């Protein structure tokens, strides 16, 4: 049905090739067909042609099918700032980091990310987990900005803004046509920010 949503971050698993992907695809199919809450691990394993025991070799629970690989995201966010040229402003670091590090990893996985977000949006517990992930990303960005020499208040504000811009760009991108590029959506978000940030 779909490639893994997390493959843009790195290898999904170190175990036998194919099994984790089959479980992942089977889970997404069932989540879409029956709903996340109504889907059980034995159903996922059966759909994948594997055992329940096999499922737990790869995932702690059925939620992890949707969030596997998220522990890599803070490192990706940190790279945006740690590897940026020293002459860049914080906003320029965000702009270039998104375009050069984050978005190239996402661009070819639009359909997969859309499926994942559709499933997350149907369940309150998954939505809360997604919000926690954004908080973790925000903290990673803040720590990286502090390493760049920003004051605590500046790092806090910039980190919050960076995560908000990332999430907004992703949301708008998924809502638009498949030919829309993330870079173009980011341009729109930056333009909106420029208008909102204009002093009265």
Protein backbone atom coordinates (compact mmCIF):
# COMPACT_ATOMS: atom_id res chain seq x y z
CA UNK A 1 0.00 0.00 0.00
CA UNK A 2 2.64 2.52 0.94
CA UNK A 3 6.28 2.95 1.74
CA UNK A 4 7.20 3.66 5.33
CA UNK A 5 6.53 7.21 6.45
CA UNK A 6 9.77 7.19 8.44
CA UNK A 7 12.15 6.11 5.66
CA UNK A 8 13.02 9.73 4.96
CA UNK A 9 14.77 9.80 8.35
CA UNK A 10 16.76 6.62 8.15
CA UNK A 11 16.58 2.83 8.14
CA UNK A 12 13.39 1.62 9.69
CA UNK A 13 14.69 -1.51 11.33
CA UNK A 14 17.70 -3.74 11.72
CA UNK A 15 15.68 -6.96 11.64
CA UNK A 16 14.73 -9.21 8.72
CA UNK A 17 14.06 -7.20 5.57
CA UNK A 18 10.43 -6.90 4.59
CA UNK A 19 8.73 -7.96 7.82
CA UNK A 20 8.63 -4.52 9.45
CA UNK A 21 7.41 -2.96 6.22
CA UNK A 22 4.67 -5.56 5.83
CA UNK A 23 3.50 -4.95 9.39
CA UNK A 24 3.62 -1.20 8.85
CA UNK A 25 1.57 -1.38 5.65
CA UNK A 26 -0.92 -3.82 7.14
CA UNK A 27 -1.41 -1.58 10.16
CA UNK A 28 -2.07 1.51 8.04
CA UNK A 29 -4.55 -0.40 5.90
CA UNK A 30 -6.46 -1.55 8.98
CA UNK A 31 -6.28 1.84 10.68
CA UNK A 32 -7.90 3.38 7.61
CA UNK A 33 -10.47 0.60 7.21
CA UNK A 34 -11.53 0.06 10.82
CA UNK A 35 -10.15 3.02 12.76
CA UNK A 36 -7.11 3.10 15.01
CA UNK A 37 -8.93 2.20 18.24
CA UNK A 38 -10.74 -0.79 16.72
CA UNK A 39 -7.61 -2.31 15.19
CA UNK A 40 -5.77 -4.95 17.22
CA UNK A 41 -2.19 -6.17 17.03
CA UNK A 42 -3.29 -9.74 16.14
CA UNK A 43 -5.30 -8.31 13.23
CA UNK A 44 -2.25 -6.41 12.00
CA UNK A 45 -0.04 -9.47 12.25
CA UNK A 46 -2.59 -11.64 10.46
CA UNK A 47 -2.98 -9.12 7.63
CA UNK A 48 0.80 -9.04 7.24
CA UNK A 49 1.02 -12.84 7.23
CA UNK A 50 3.08 -12.84 10.43
CA UNK A 51 2.62 -13.70 14.08
CA UNK A 52 1.75 -11.38 16.96
CA UNK A 53 5.12 -12.24 18.44
CA UNK A 54 6.76 -11.00 15.26
CA UNK A 55 4.91 -7.70 15.59
CA UNK A 56 6.40 -7.06 19.02
CA UNK A 57 9.90 -7.67 17.70
CA UNK A 58 9.54 -4.47 15.72
CA UNK A 59 7.03 -2.30 17.58
CA UNK A 60 6.30 -1.77 21.28
CA UNK A 61 2.59 -1.31 20.51
CA UNK A 62 0.37 -0.35 17.60
CA UNK A 63 0.98 3.38 18.16
CA UNK A 64 4.65 2.88 17.40
CA UNK A 65 3.76 1.94 13.83
CA UNK A 66 2.90 5.61 13.33
CA UNK A 67 5.75 7.05 15.38
CA UNK A 68 8.67 4.75 14.65
CA UNK A 69 11.71 6.83 13.77
CA UNK A 70 10.61 9.97 15.59
CA UNK A 71 13.61 9.71 17.91
CA UNK A 72 15.72 10.75 14.89
CA UNK A 73 13.81 13.99 14.38
CA UNK A 74 15.46 16.02 17.18
CA UNK A 75 18.86 15.24 15.65
CA UNK A 76 17.62 16.38 12.25
CA UNK A 77 16.35 19.63 13.79
CA UNK A 78 19.63 20.19 15.63
CA UNK A 79 21.52 19.82 12.35
CA UNK A 80 19.59 22.77 10.93
CA UNK A 81 21.32 25.07 13.37
CA UNK A 82 24.54 23.25 14.23
CA UNK A 83 25.63 23.04 10.59
CA UNK A 84 24.46 26.52 9.55
CA UNK A 85 26.95 29.18 8.48
CA UNK A 86 27.90 31.45 11.37
CA UNK A 87 26.98 34.60 9.48
CA UNK A 88 23.30 33.67 9.14
CA UNK A 89 20.53 35.16 11.23
CA UNK A 90 18.30 32.73 13.15
CA UNK A 91 15.54 33.15 10.57
CA UNK A 92 17.97 32.46 7.74
CA UNK A 93 19.12 29.33 9.56
CA UNK A 94 15.51 28.15 9.74
CA UNK A 95 14.91 28.93 6.08
CA UNK A 96 18.02 27.16 4.80
CA UNK A 97 17.70 24.30 7.25
CA UNK A 98 14.18 23.54 6.10
CA UNK A 99 15.10 23.76 2.43
CA UNK A 100 18.44 21.92 2.56
CA UNK A 101 18.05 19.39 5.38
CA UNK A 102 14.42 18.78 6.37
CA UNK A 103 12.28 19.18 3.25
CA UNK A 104 14.38 17.07 0.87
CA UNK A 105 13.69 14.17 3.24
CA UNK A 106 9.93 14.76 3.03
CA UNK A 107 9.25 15.76 -0.56
CA UNK A 108 8.94 12.27 -2.04
CA UNK A 109 6.80 10.93 0.81
CA UNK A 110 3.80 13.22 0.54
CA UNK A 111 1.19 10.45 0.18
CA UNK A 112 2.61 8.45 3.05
CA UNK A 113 2.75 11.46 5.36
CA UNK A 114 -0.83 12.36 4.40
CA UNK A 115 -2.03 8.86 5.33
CA UNK A 116 -0.24 9.02 8.66
CA UNK A 117 -1.66 12.45 9.50
CA UNK A 118 -5.16 11.34 8.52
CA UNK A 119 -4.93 8.47 10.98
CA UNK A 120 -3.45 10.61 13.76
CA UNK A 121 -6.23 13.16 13.38
CA UNK A 122 -8.88 10.51 14.14
CA UNK A 123 -7.61 9.65 17.61
CA UNK A 124 -7.21 11.94 20.62
CA UNK A 125 -4.36 9.93 22.10
CA UNK A 126 -2.45 10.03 18.82
CA UNK A 127 -3.01 13.78 18.54
CA UNK A 128 -1.59 14.24 22.03
CA UNK A 129 1.42 12.12 21.06
CA UNK A 130 1.92 14.28 17.98
CA UNK A 131 1.85 17.43 20.12
CA UNK A 132 4.45 15.92 22.44
CA UNK A 133 6.65 15.26 19.42
CA UNK A 134 6.42 18.91 18.41
CA UNK A 135 7.39 19.92 21.94
CA UNK A 136 10.45 17.66 21.73
CA UNK A 137 11.40 19.24 18.40
CA UNK A 138 10.98 22.68 19.91
CA UNK A 139 13.33 21.81 22.76
CA UNK A 140 15.90 20.41 20.31
CA UNK A 141 15.75 23.64 18.33
CA UNK A 142 16.07 25.74 21.49
CA UNK A 143 19.14 23.85 22.69
CA UNK A 144 20.77 24.20 19.27
CA UNK A 145 20.06 27.93 19.22
CA UNK A 146 21.56 28.30 22.69
CA UNK A 147 24.68 26.61 21.38
CA UNK A 148 24.74 29.25 18.66
CA UNK A 149 24.87 31.96 21.31
CA UNK A 150 21.27 33.19 21.41
CA UNK A 151 19.92 34.40 24.72
CA UNK A 152 17.44 32.05 26.45
CA UNK A 153 14.45 34.23 25.58
CA UNK A 154 15.54 34.63 21.93
CA UNK A 155 16.20 30.89 21.64
CA UNK A 156 12.80 30.08 23.14
CA UNK A 157 10.90 32.38 20.79
CA UNK A 158 12.85 31.30 17.72
CA UNK A 159 12.41 27.61 18.54
CA UNK A 160 8.67 28.02 18.98
CA UNK A 161 8.45 29.95 15.74
CA UNK A 162 10.51 27.40 13.80
CA UNK A 163 8.32 24.49 14.89
CA UNK A 164 5.14 26.45 14.17
CA UNK A 165 6.41 27.31 10.69
CA UNK A 166 7.36 23.68 10.06
CA UNK A 167 3.98 22.34 11.16
CA UNK A 168 2.06 25.01 9.26
CA UNK A 169 4.06 24.43 6.09
CA UNK A 170 3.48 20.68 6.30
CA UNK A 171 -0.25 21.14 6.91
CA UNK A 172 -0.66 23.51 3.96
CA UNK A 173 1.44 21.27 1.72
CA UNK A 174 -0.71 18.23 2.45
CA UNK A 175 -3.88 20.24 1.82
CA UNK A 176 -2.73 21.36 -1.63
CA UNK A 177 -2.22 19.50 -4.88
CA UNK A 178 0.42 16.83 -5.29
CA UNK A 179 2.44 19.07 -7.60
CA UNK A 180 2.92 21.70 -4.92
CA UNK A 181 6.50 21.88 -3.66
CA UNK A 182 7.35 22.32 -0.01
CA UNK A 183 9.67 25.19 -0.86
CA UNK A 184 6.81 27.07 -2.49
CA UNK A 185 4.57 26.55 0.54
CA UNK A 186 7.37 27.73 2.81
CA UNK A 187 7.61 30.92 0.74
CA UNK A 188 3.92 31.52 1.47
CA UNK A 189 4.44 30.92 5.19
CA UNK A 190 7.43 33.26 5.33
CA UNK A 191 5.44 35.94 3.49
CA UNK A 192 2.63 35.62 6.01
CA UNK A 193 5.08 35.84 8.89
CA UNK A 194 6.60 38.98 7.36
CA UNK A 195 3.18 40.63 7.22
CA UNK A 196 2.31 39.65 10.77
CA UNK A 197 5.69 40.76 12.14
CA UNK A 198 5.51 44.23 10.62
CA UNK A 199 5.58 46.79 13.47
CA UNK A 200 2.40 48.81 13.96
